[in-house]
Amino acid sequence: MNKGELVDAVADKASVTKKQADAVLSAALEAIMEAVSEGDKVTLVGFGSFESRERKAREGRNPKTGDKMEIPATKVPAFSAGKLFKDRVAPPKNS
């Protein structure tokens, strides 16, 4: 599903126009990206959490030459799915 298909689904479920759904979805995504880039954690209960994580410096290899190289430390965005989301994707097995 791409963004256009997601906008269509949101517009249908929320009974709003596609233009309104696109504006709300874009604003929500922008707010999440802004918060995470400033170091905040965004938690949507049942869905998941967005946060910034530190990636340590490490040694890598140049795939063309095989030479060792240092990969610098960096920050990366991360998403952790919530329990409700995980259960929808892979329902728990009843024992």
N, C-alpha and C. Protein backbone atom coordinates (compact mmCIF):
# COMPACT_ATOMS: atom_id res chain seq x y z
N MET A 1 0.86 -1.18 0.00
CA MET A 1 0.00 0.00 0.00
C MET A 1 0.90 1.23 0.00
N ASN A 2 0.64 2.13 -0.94
CA ASN A 2 1.41 3.37 -0.98
C ASN A 2 0.60 4.49 -0.30
N LYS A 3 1.16 5.70 -0.27
CA LYS A 3 0.50 6.79 0.44
C LYS A 3 -0.88 7.11 -0.16
N GLY A 4 -0.98 7.10 -1.47
CA GLY A 4 -2.26 7.38 -2.12
C GLY A 4 -3.34 6.38 -1.72
N GLU A 5 -2.98 5.11 -1.67
CA GLU A 5 -3.92 4.06 -1.27
C GLU A 5 -4.29 4.21 0.21
N LEU A 6 -3.32 4.62 1.03
CA LEU A 6 -3.59 4.84 2.45
C LEU A 6 -4.54 6.02 2.63
N VAL A 7 -4.33 7.09 1.87
CA VAL A 7 -5.23 8.25 1.92
C VAL A 7 -6.64 7.82 1.54
N ASP A 8 -6.77 7.01 0.49
CA ASP A 8 -8.09 6.52 0.07
C ASP A 8 -8.76 5.72 1.19
N ALA A 9 -8.00 4.83 1.85
CA ALA A 9 -8.55 4.00 2.92
C ALA A 9 -8.97 4.86 4.11
N VAL A 10 -8.15 5.84 4.48
CA VAL A 10 -8.47 6.73 5.61
C VAL A 10 -9.71 7.56 5.28
N ALA A 11 -9.78 8.08 4.07
CA ALA A 11 -10.94 8.89 3.66
C ALA A 11 -12.21 8.06 3.74
N ASP A 12 -12.13 6.81 3.31
CA ASP A 12 -13.29 5.92 3.33
C ASP A 12 -13.71 5.58 4.76
N LYS A 13 -12.74 5.21 5.61
CA LYS A 13 -13.05 4.82 7.00
C LYS A 13 -13.53 6.00 7.84
N ALA A 14 -12.99 7.20 7.59
CA ALA A 14 -13.34 8.37 8.40
C ALA A 14 -14.47 9.19 7.79
N SER A 15 -14.97 8.79 6.63
CA SER A 15 -16.03 9.51 5.91
C SER A 15 -15.68 10.98 5.70
N VAL A 16 -14.45 11.21 5.20
CA VAL A 16 -14.00 12.56 4.85
C VAL A 16 -13.51 12.53 3.40
N THR A 17 -13.23 13.70 2.87
CA THR A 17 -12.74 13.75 1.49
C THR A 17 -11.29 13.28 1.45
N LYS A 18 -10.86 12.89 0.26
CA LYS A 18 -9.47 12.46 0.09
C LYS A 18 -8.52 13.61 0.40
N LYS A 19 -8.92 14.82 0.04
CA LYS A 19 -8.08 16.00 0.30
C LYS A 19 -7.91 16.21 1.80
N GLN A 20 -8.97 16.05 2.56
CA GLN A 20 -8.90 16.20 4.02
C GLN A 20 -8.05 15.09 4.64
N ALA A 21 -8.26 13.86 4.17
CA ALA A 21 -7.50 12.73 4.69
C ALA A 21 -6.01 12.90 4.39
N ASP A 22 -5.68 13.38 3.19
CA ASP A 22 -4.29 13.61 2.81
C ASP A 22 -3.66 14.68 3.71
N ALA A 23 -4.40 15.76 3.97
CA ALA A 23 -3.88 16.84 4.81
C ALA A 23 -3.62 16.35 6.23
N VAL A 24 -4.55 15.59 6.79
CA VAL A 24 -4.39 15.07 8.16
C VAL A 24 -3.24 14.06 8.22
N LEU A 25 -3.19 13.14 7.27
CA LEU A 25 -2.12 12.14 7.26
C LEU A 25 -0.76 12.80 7.11
N SER A 26 -0.64 13.74 6.20
CA SER A 26 0.63 14.45 5.99
C SER A 26 1.05 15.22 7.24
N ALA A 27 0.09 15.88 7.89
CA ALA A 27 0.38 16.63 9.11
C ALA A 27 0.83 15.69 10.23
N ALA A 28 0.16 14.54 10.36
CA ALA A 28 0.52 13.58 11.40
C ALA A 28 1.93 13.03 11.18
N LEU A 29 2.24 12.66 9.96
CA LEU A 29 3.57 12.14 9.65
C LEU A 29 4.64 13.19 9.88
N GLU A 30 4.36 14.43 9.49
CA GLU A 30 5.31 15.53 9.68
C GLU A 30 5.55 15.76 11.17
N ALA A 31 4.48 15.73 11.98
CA ALA A 31 4.61 15.93 13.42
C ALA A 31 5.44 14.81 14.05
N ILE A 32 5.25 13.57 13.60
CA ILE A 32 6.02 12.44 14.12
C ILE A 32 7.49 12.60 13.76
N MET A 33 7.78 12.93 12.49
CA MET A 33 9.17 13.10 12.06
C MET A 33 9.85 14.24 12.81
N GLU A 34 9.13 15.32 13.01
CA GLU A 34 9.68 16.47 13.73
C GLU A 34 10.01 16.11 15.18
N ALA A 35 9.09 15.44 15.85
CA ALA A 35 9.30 15.06 17.25
C ALA A 35 10.47 14.10 17.39
N VAL A 36 10.54 13.08 16.55
CA VAL A 36 11.61 12.10 16.62
C VAL A 36 12.96 12.74 16.29
N SER A 37 12.99 13.65 15.32
CA SER A 37 14.25 14.31 14.96
C SER A 37 14.77 15.20 16.09
N GLU A 38 13.85 15.65 16.98
CA GLU A 38 14.25 16.46 18.13
C GLU A 38 14.57 15.61 19.35
N GLY A 39 14.53 14.29 19.19
CA GLY A 39 14.90 13.39 20.28
C GLY A 39 13.73 12.89 21.11
N ASP A 40 12.51 13.28 20.77
CA ASP A 40 11.34 12.81 21.51
C ASP A 40 10.92 11.43 21.02
N LYS A 41 10.21 10.71 21.89
CA LYS A 41 9.63 9.42 21.53
C LYS A 41 8.13 9.64 21.33
N VAL A 42 7.59 9.12 20.24
CA VAL A 42 6.16 9.25 19.94
C VAL A 42 5.53 7.87 20.12
N THR A 43 4.59 7.77 21.06
CA THR A 43 3.93 6.49 21.34
C THR A 43 2.46 6.58 20.99
N LEU A 44 2.02 5.68 20.13
CA LEU A 44 0.62 5.56 19.75
C LEU A 44 0.15 4.22 20.33
N VAL A 45 -0.56 4.27 21.45
CA VAL A 45 -0.94 3.07 22.19
C VAL A 45 -1.66 2.09 21.26
N GLY A 46 -1.21 0.84 21.28
CA GLY A 46 -1.80 -0.21 20.45
C GLY A 46 -1.14 -0.30 19.08
N PHE A 47 -0.58 0.80 18.59
CA PHE A 47 0.05 0.81 17.27
C PHE A 47 1.56 0.60 17.39
N GLY A 48 2.22 1.50 18.15
CA GLY A 48 3.66 1.36 18.31
C GLY A 48 4.32 2.66 18.70
N SER A 49 5.65 2.64 18.73
CA SER A 49 6.44 3.80 19.14
C SER A 49 7.48 4.13 18.09
N PHE A 50 7.67 5.42 17.88
CA PHE A 50 8.71 5.93 17.00
C PHE A 50 9.73 6.62 17.88
N GLU A 51 11.02 6.37 17.62
CA GLU A 51 12.06 7.03 18.41
C GLU A 51 13.35 7.09 17.61
N SER A 52 14.28 7.86 18.13
CA SER A 52 15.61 7.98 17.55
C SER A 52 16.54 7.08 18.33
N ARG A 53 17.38 6.32 17.65
CA ARG A 53 18.34 5.44 18.33
C ARG A 53 19.75 5.76 17.85
N GLU A 54 20.69 5.58 18.75
CA GLU A 54 22.10 5.78 18.42
C GLU A 54 22.65 4.50 17.80
N ARG A 55 23.34 4.63 16.71
CA ARG A 55 24.04 3.48 16.12
C ARG A 55 25.53 3.72 16.35
N LYS A 56 26.19 2.76 16.99
CA LYS A 56 27.61 2.91 17.32
C LYS A 56 28.47 2.85 16.07
N ALA A 57 29.67 3.45 16.19
CA ALA A 57 30.65 3.35 15.11
C ALA A 57 31.06 1.89 15.00
N ARG A 58 31.33 1.45 13.79
CA ARG A 58 31.72 0.05 13.61
C ARG A 58 32.62 -0.08 12.39
N GLU A 59 33.23 -1.24 12.28
CA GLU A 59 34.12 -1.49 11.16
C GLU A 59 33.35 -2.22 10.07
N GLY A 60 33.51 -1.75 8.85
CA GLY A 60 32.86 -2.39 7.72
C GLY A 60 33.88 -2.70 6.64
N ARG A 61 33.40 -3.19 5.54
CA ARG A 61 34.28 -3.48 4.40
C ARG A 61 33.71 -2.87 3.14
N ASN A 62 34.60 -2.35 2.32
CA ASN A 62 34.21 -1.82 1.02
C ASN A 62 33.87 -3.04 0.14
N PRO A 63 32.62 -3.13 -0.35
CA PRO A 63 32.25 -4.33 -1.13
C PRO A 63 33.04 -4.50 -2.42
N LYS A 64 33.54 -3.40 -3.00
CA LYS A 64 34.30 -3.51 -4.25
C LYS A 64 35.72 -4.02 -4.02
N THR A 65 36.39 -3.42 -3.02
CA THR A 65 37.81 -3.74 -2.82
C THR A 65 38.05 -4.70 -1.66
N GLY A 66 37.10 -4.80 -0.75
CA GLY A 66 37.29 -5.66 0.42
C GLY A 66 38.08 -4.97 1.52
N ASP A 67 38.51 -3.71 1.29
CA ASP A 67 39.28 -2.98 2.29
C ASP A 67 38.43 -2.66 3.51
N LYS A 68 39.06 -2.70 4.69
CA LYS A 68 38.36 -2.33 5.92
C LYS A 68 38.16 -0.82 5.94
N MET A 69 37.02 -0.42 6.52
CA MET A 69 36.74 1.01 6.65
C MET A 69 35.94 1.24 7.92
N GLU A 70 36.06 2.44 8.48
CA GLU A 70 35.34 2.78 9.70
C GLU A 70 34.01 3.42 9.32
N ILE A 71 32.91 2.87 9.85
CA ILE A 71 31.58 3.45 9.63
C ILE A 71 31.28 4.28 10.88
N PRO A 72 31.07 5.59 10.72
CA PRO A 72 30.90 6.46 11.89
C PRO A 72 29.57 6.22 12.63
N ALA A 73 29.54 6.64 13.89
CA ALA A 73 28.31 6.56 14.69
C ALA A 73 27.28 7.51 14.09
N THR A 74 26.02 7.17 14.24
CA THR A 74 24.95 8.01 13.70
C THR A 74 23.67 7.78 14.47
N LYS A 75 22.69 8.62 14.23
CA LYS A 75 21.35 8.43 14.79
C LYS A 75 20.46 7.89 13.68
N VAL A 76 19.56 6.97 14.03
CA VAL A 76 18.64 6.42 13.04
C VAL A 76 17.23 6.39 13.62
N PRO A 77 16.21 6.57 12.79
CA PRO A 77 14.84 6.45 13.28
C PRO A 77 14.50 4.97 13.49
N ALA A 78 13.67 4.69 14.50
CA ALA A 78 13.30 3.31 14.79
C ALA A 78 11.81 3.24 15.13
N PHE A 79 11.20 2.12 14.79
CA PHE A 79 9.79 1.88 15.11
C PHE A 79 9.68 0.56 15.83
N SER A 80 8.94 0.54 16.92
CA SER A 80 8.65 -0.69 17.65
C SER A 80 7.14 -0.89 17.62
N ALA A 81 6.69 -1.99 17.08
CA ALA A 81 5.26 -2.27 16.99
C ALA A 81 4.68 -2.54 18.38
N GLY A 82 3.46 -2.07 18.61
CA GLY A 82 2.76 -2.31 19.86
C GLY A 82 2.11 -3.70 19.86
N LYS A 83 1.65 -4.11 21.03
CA LYS A 83 1.07 -5.45 21.19
C LYS A 83 -0.13 -5.68 20.27
N LEU A 84 -1.04 -4.71 20.19
CA LEU A 84 -2.22 -4.86 19.35
C LEU A 84 -1.83 -5.06 17.88
N PHE A 85 -0.85 -4.28 17.42
CA PHE A 85 -0.36 -4.38 16.04
C PHE A 85 0.27 -5.76 15.82
N LYS A 86 1.13 -6.19 16.74
CA LYS A 86 1.78 -7.50 16.61
C LYS A 86 0.75 -8.62 16.57
N ASP A 87 -0.28 -8.51 17.44
CA ASP A 87 -1.31 -9.55 17.49
C ASP A 87 -2.15 -9.58 16.22
N ARG A 88 -2.33 -8.43 15.56
CA ARG A 88 -3.07 -8.40 14.29
C ARG A 88 -2.27 -9.09 13.18
N VAL A 89 -0.96 -8.87 13.19
CA VAL A 89 -0.11 -9.44 12.15
C VAL A 89 0.09 -10.93 12.36
N ALA A 90 0.35 -11.31 13.60
CA ALA A 90 0.57 -12.72 13.94
C ALA A 90 -0.24 -13.05 15.19
N PRO A 91 -1.51 -13.46 15.00
CA PRO A 91 -2.36 -13.76 16.15
C PRO A 91 -1.71 -14.80 17.07
N PRO A 92 -1.81 -14.59 18.39
CA PRO A 92 -1.20 -15.55 19.32
C PRO A 92 -1.88 -16.93 19.19
N LYS A 93 -1.08 -17.96 19.32
CA LYS A 93 -1.60 -19.32 19.23
C LYS A 93 -2.20 -19.71 20.58
N ASN A 94 -3.40 -20.23 20.57
CA ASN A 94 -4.05 -20.69 21.80
C ASN A 94 -3.53 -22.06 22.17
N SER A 95 -3.08 -22.22 23.39
CA SER A 95 -2.53 -23.51 23.84
C SER A 95 -3.62 -24.45 24.28
